[in-house]
N, C-alpha and C. Protein backbone atom coordinates (compact mmCIF):
# COMPACT_ATOMS: atom_id res chain seq x y z
N GLY A 1 -3.63 9.49 -12.32
CA GLY A 1 -4.95 9.54 -11.79
C GLY A 1 -5.09 9.58 -10.35
N MET A 2 -5.02 8.74 -9.70
CA MET A 2 -5.36 8.66 -8.19
C MET A 2 -3.88 9.30 -7.28
N SER A 3 -2.88 8.87 -8.09
CA SER A 3 -1.78 9.22 -7.12
C SER A 3 -1.68 10.65 -7.48
N ASN A 4 -1.93 11.45 -8.73
CA ASN A 4 -1.65 12.59 -8.56
C ASN A 4 -2.61 13.71 -7.87
N LEU A 5 -3.97 13.00 -7.64
CA LEU A 5 -4.99 13.67 -7.17
C LEU A 5 -4.47 13.76 -5.46
N SER A 6 -4.24 12.36 -4.86
CA SER A 6 -3.60 12.68 -3.80
C SER A 6 -2.61 13.39 -3.33
N ILE A 7 -1.71 13.68 -4.20
CA ILE A 7 -0.42 14.72 -3.96
C ILE A 7 -0.95 15.97 -3.52
N VAL A 8 -2.53 16.22 -4.11
CA VAL A 8 -2.74 17.81 -4.16
C VAL A 8 -3.26 17.58 -2.59
N ARG A 9 -3.85 16.79 -1.79
CA ARG A 9 -4.49 16.81 -0.47
C ARG A 9 -3.50 16.25 0.60
N ILE A 10 -2.39 15.56 0.31
CA ILE A 10 -1.81 14.92 1.46
C ILE A 10 -0.14 15.58 1.03
N THR A 11 0.42 15.49 2.33
CA THR A 11 2.05 15.81 2.16
C THR A 11 2.65 14.80 1.24
N ILE A 12 3.80 15.08 0.68
CA ILE A 12 5.07 14.21 -0.10
C ILE A 12 5.24 12.90 1.05
N THR A 13 5.91 13.50 1.91
CA THR A 13 6.16 12.13 2.57
C THR A 13 5.35 11.14 3.37
N PHE A 14 4.26 11.85 3.66
CA PHE A 14 2.90 10.85 3.90
C PHE A 14 2.44 10.02 2.40
N PHE A 15 2.48 10.64 1.36
CA PHE A 15 2.43 9.93 0.11
C PHE A 15 3.14 8.61 -0.17
N THR A 16 4.57 9.27 -0.07
CA THR A 16 5.70 8.07 -0.04
C THR A 16 5.41 6.98 0.87
N MET A 17 5.01 7.25 2.13
CA MET A 17 5.02 6.18 2.94
C MET A 17 3.73 5.42 2.59
N ILE A 18 2.65 5.91 2.10
CA ILE A 18 1.48 4.91 1.82
C ILE A 18 1.75 4.32 0.47
N LYS A 19 2.53 5.05 -0.57
CA LYS A 19 3.07 4.33 -1.57
C LYS A 19 3.63 3.00 -1.44
N SER A 20 4.49 2.95 -0.33
CA SER A 20 5.70 1.94 -0.29
C SER A 20 4.49 0.81 0.24
N SER A 21 3.31 0.75 0.52
CA SER A 21 2.64 -0.37 0.40
C SER A 21 2.54 -1.29 -0.30
N ALA A 22 2.96 -0.88 -1.52
CA ALA A 22 2.77 -1.97 -2.68
C ALA A 22 3.10 -3.28 -2.65
N PRO A 23 4.19 -3.50 -1.80
CA PRO A 23 4.63 -5.01 -1.87
C PRO A 23 3.50 -5.90 -1.00
N ILE A 24 2.69 -5.14 -0.31
CA ILE A 24 1.64 -5.74 0.47
C ILE A 24 0.76 -6.18 -0.19
N TRP A 25 0.41 -5.35 -1.54
CA TRP A 25 -0.92 -5.89 -2.22
C TRP A 25 -0.47 -6.49 -3.43
N VAL A 26 0.86 -6.48 -3.64
CA VAL A 26 1.44 -7.39 -4.63
C VAL A 26 1.43 -8.51 -4.06
N LEU A 27 1.77 -8.95 -2.83
CA LEU A 27 1.14 -10.36 -1.94
C LEU A 27 0.06 -10.69 -1.90
N LEU A 28 -1.23 -9.65 -1.57
CA LEU A 28 -2.59 -9.90 -1.56
C LEU A 28 -3.00 -10.43 -2.79
N SER A 29 -2.58 -9.83 -4.16
CA SER A 29 -3.30 -10.19 -5.46
C SER A 29 -2.49 -11.30 -5.68
N GLY A 30 -1.40 -11.42 -5.60
CA GLY A 30 -0.68 -13.14 -5.93
C GLY A 30 -1.50 -14.18 -5.11
N PHE A 31 -1.81 -13.78 -3.56
CA PHE A 31 -2.59 -15.10 -3.18
C PHE A 31 -3.91 -15.25 -3.64
N ILE A 32 -4.81 -13.85 -3.53
CA ILE A 32 -6.13 -14.36 -4.39
C ILE A 32 -6.18 -14.82 -5.43
N PHE A 33 -5.11 -14.46 -6.74
CA PHE A 33 -5.37 -15.09 -8.15
C PHE A 33 -4.63 -16.25 -8.09
N GLY A 34 -4.24 -16.84 -6.84
CA GLY A 34 -3.36 -18.16 -6.99
C GLY A 34 -1.95 -18.12 -7.63
N LEU A 35 -1.47 -16.71 -7.79
CA LEU A 35 0.32 -16.79 -8.40
C LEU A 35 1.05 -17.14 -7.51
N PHE A 36 1.12 -17.00 -6.30
CA PHE A 36 1.95 -17.15 -5.17
C PHE A 36 1.36 -18.32 -3.88
N PRO A 37 2.27 -19.38 -3.79
CA PRO A 37 1.83 -20.28 -2.58
C PRO A 37 1.64 -19.45 -1.19
N ILE A 38 1.01 -19.77 -0.67
CA ILE A 38 0.57 -19.18 0.76
C ILE A 38 1.85 -19.91 1.50
N THR A 39 2.58 -19.31 2.20
CA THR A 39 3.59 -19.88 2.86
C THR A 39 3.69 -18.83 4.27
N PRO A 40 4.10 -19.73 5.36
CA PRO A 40 4.13 -18.80 6.35
C PRO A 40 5.50 -17.53 6.50
N THR A 41 6.43 -17.89 6.01
CA THR A 41 7.18 -16.73 5.46
C THR A 41 6.80 -15.85 4.67
N LEU A 42 6.02 -15.88 3.73
CA LEU A 42 5.45 -14.76 3.07
C LEU A 42 4.43 -14.41 3.79
N ILE A 43 3.59 -14.73 4.87
CA ILE A 43 2.92 -14.02 5.43
C ILE A 43 3.46 -13.13 6.96
N MET A 44 4.41 -13.81 7.27
CA MET A 44 5.34 -12.96 8.49
C MET A 44 5.75 -11.89 7.58
N VAL A 45 6.14 -11.76 6.06
CA VAL A 45 6.72 -10.58 5.54
C VAL A 45 5.66 -9.86 5.47
N GLY A 46 4.57 -10.03 4.94
CA GLY A 46 3.34 -9.16 4.66
C GLY A 46 3.02 -8.15 6.26
N VAL A 47 2.92 -9.11 7.38
CA VAL A 47 2.68 -8.61 8.68
C VAL A 47 3.59 -7.36 9.05
N LEU A 48 4.69 -8.18 8.74
CA LEU A 48 5.69 -7.16 9.36
C LEU A 48 5.93 -5.57 8.59
N ILE A 49 5.78 -5.97 7.21
CA ILE A 49 5.49 -4.55 6.18
C ILE A 49 4.06 -3.90 6.97
N THR A 50 3.18 -4.39 6.93
CA THR A 50 2.07 -4.13 7.35
C THR A 50 2.30 -2.99 8.43
N THR A 51 2.79 -3.70 9.56
CA THR A 51 2.90 -3.06 10.78
C THR A 51 3.94 -2.16 10.82
N GLY A 52 4.87 -1.91 9.79
CA GLY A 52 6.03 -0.78 9.42
C GLY A 52 5.00 0.25 8.94
N GLU A 53 4.19 -0.24 8.20
CA GLU A 53 3.23 0.70 7.42
C GLU A 53 2.60 1.52 8.40
N VAL A 54 2.00 0.66 9.33
CA VAL A 54 0.89 1.54 10.17
C VAL A 54 1.60 2.24 11.08
N LEU A 55 2.69 1.76 11.76
CA LEU A 55 3.22 2.59 12.86
C LEU A 55 3.79 3.94 11.93
N THR A 56 4.39 4.12 10.81
CA THR A 56 4.76 4.92 10.52
C THR A 56 3.92 6.40 10.11
N SER A 57 2.67 5.18 9.50
CA SER A 57 1.50 6.58 9.23
C SER A 57 0.54 6.88 10.32
N PHE A 58 0.68 6.22 11.25
CA PHE A 58 -0.14 6.69 13.00
C PHE A 58 0.18 8.24 13.06
N GLY A 59 1.35 8.35 13.17
CA GLY A 59 1.56 9.93 13.44
C GLY A 59 1.61 11.03 12.77
N GLU A 60 0.86 10.96 11.56
CA GLU A 60 0.81 11.70 10.58
C GLU A 60 0.18 12.97 11.23
N VAL A 61 0.42 14.51 11.01
CA VAL A 61 -0.54 15.18 11.69
C VAL A 61 -1.30 16.03 10.91
N GLU A 62 -1.10 16.19 9.22
CA GLU A 62 -1.68 16.57 8.41
C GLU A 62 -2.64 15.35 7.78
N PHE A 63 -3.62 14.50 8.51
CA PHE A 63 -4.37 13.66 7.98
C PHE A 63 -5.15 13.92 7.14
N ASP A 64 -5.42 13.70 6.05
CA ASP A 64 -6.53 13.91 5.20
C ASP A 64 -7.21 12.67 4.60
N VAL A 65 -8.55 12.19 5.16
CA VAL A 65 -9.22 10.83 4.89
C VAL A 65 -9.10 10.62 3.01
N VAL A 66 -9.68 11.60 2.49
CA VAL A 66 -9.95 11.56 0.92
C VAL A 66 -8.34 11.31 0.26
N GLY A 67 -7.22 12.25 0.64
CA GLY A 67 -6.17 12.13 0.25
C GLY A 67 -5.58 10.53 0.46
N PHE A 68 -5.58 10.15 1.73
CA PHE A 68 -5.54 8.91 2.27
C PHE A 68 -5.99 7.72 1.63
N LEU A 69 -7.43 7.98 1.28
CA LEU A 69 -8.24 7.21 0.24
C LEU A 69 -7.70 6.92 -1.19
N LEU A 70 -7.57 8.26 -1.85
CA LEU A 70 -7.04 7.99 -3.17
C LEU A 70 -5.27 7.32 -3.17
N CYS A 71 -4.72 7.64 -2.53
CA CYS A 71 -3.08 7.15 -2.56
C CYS A 71 -3.02 5.99 -2.13
N ALA A 72 -4.10 5.09 -1.22
CA ALA A 72 -4.18 3.99 -0.90
C ALA A 72 -4.80 3.10 -2.25
N GLY A 73 -5.83 3.68 -2.68
CA GLY A 73 -6.32 3.06 -4.05
C GLY A 73 -5.38 2.83 -5.32
N ALA A 74 -4.50 4.04 -5.05
CA ALA A 74 -3.34 4.03 -6.21
C ALA A 74 -2.52 3.14 -5.82
N ALA A 75 -2.10 2.74 -4.79
CA ALA A 75 -1.36 1.62 -4.26
C ALA A 75 -1.64 0.16 -4.26
N VAL A 76 -3.21 0.09 -4.25
CA VAL A 76 -4.02 -1.17 -4.34
C VAL A 76 -3.96 -1.31 -5.75
N CYS A 77 -4.10 -0.45 -6.54
CA CYS A 77 -4.36 -0.38 -8.39
C CYS A 77 -2.83 -1.35 -8.72
N GLY A 78 -1.65 -0.53 -8.04
CA GLY A 78 -0.43 -0.66 -8.60
C GLY A 78 0.22 -2.20 -8.21
N GLY A 79 -0.24 -2.70 -7.00
CA GLY A 79 0.14 -3.84 -6.46
C GLY A 79 -0.48 -4.97 -7.11
N GLY A 80 -1.82 -4.66 -7.58
CA GLY A 80 -2.42 -5.58 -8.28
C GLY A 80 -1.72 -5.97 -9.96
N ARG A 81 -1.32 -4.45 -10.11
CA ARG A 81 -0.59 -4.91 -11.73
C ARG A 81 0.60 -5.52 -11.73
N TRP A 82 1.27 -4.86 -10.60
CA TRP A 82 2.68 -5.82 -10.48
C TRP A 82 2.48 -7.12 -9.97
N ALA A 83 1.30 -7.84 -9.63
CA ALA A 83 1.15 -9.17 -9.47
C ALA A 83 1.32 -9.79 -10.86
N PHE A 84 0.76 -9.21 -11.67
CA PHE A 84 0.53 -9.97 -13.23
C PHE A 84 1.60 -9.66 -14.27
N ILE A 85 2.60 -8.89 -13.80
CA ILE A 85 3.77 -8.69 -14.78
C ILE A 85 4.95 -9.57 -14.33
């Protein structure tokens, strides 16, 4: 679905960087649905992963908004799915 469409629009390396944000979405889904307790340690882990994602994505030369949104949407859906498994 969205992952395949995003690969057409963005580079594979950028795709890999964005899709590696799935642990962030697993944490957020777990917090929202009450699957994980909200602890300072988990919040710090989420902040560190998010900071790393932003820093690696910041310098992308061939940035495509549609491709980014498709890939991010796929990562959000995948993270939500993994939170319930």
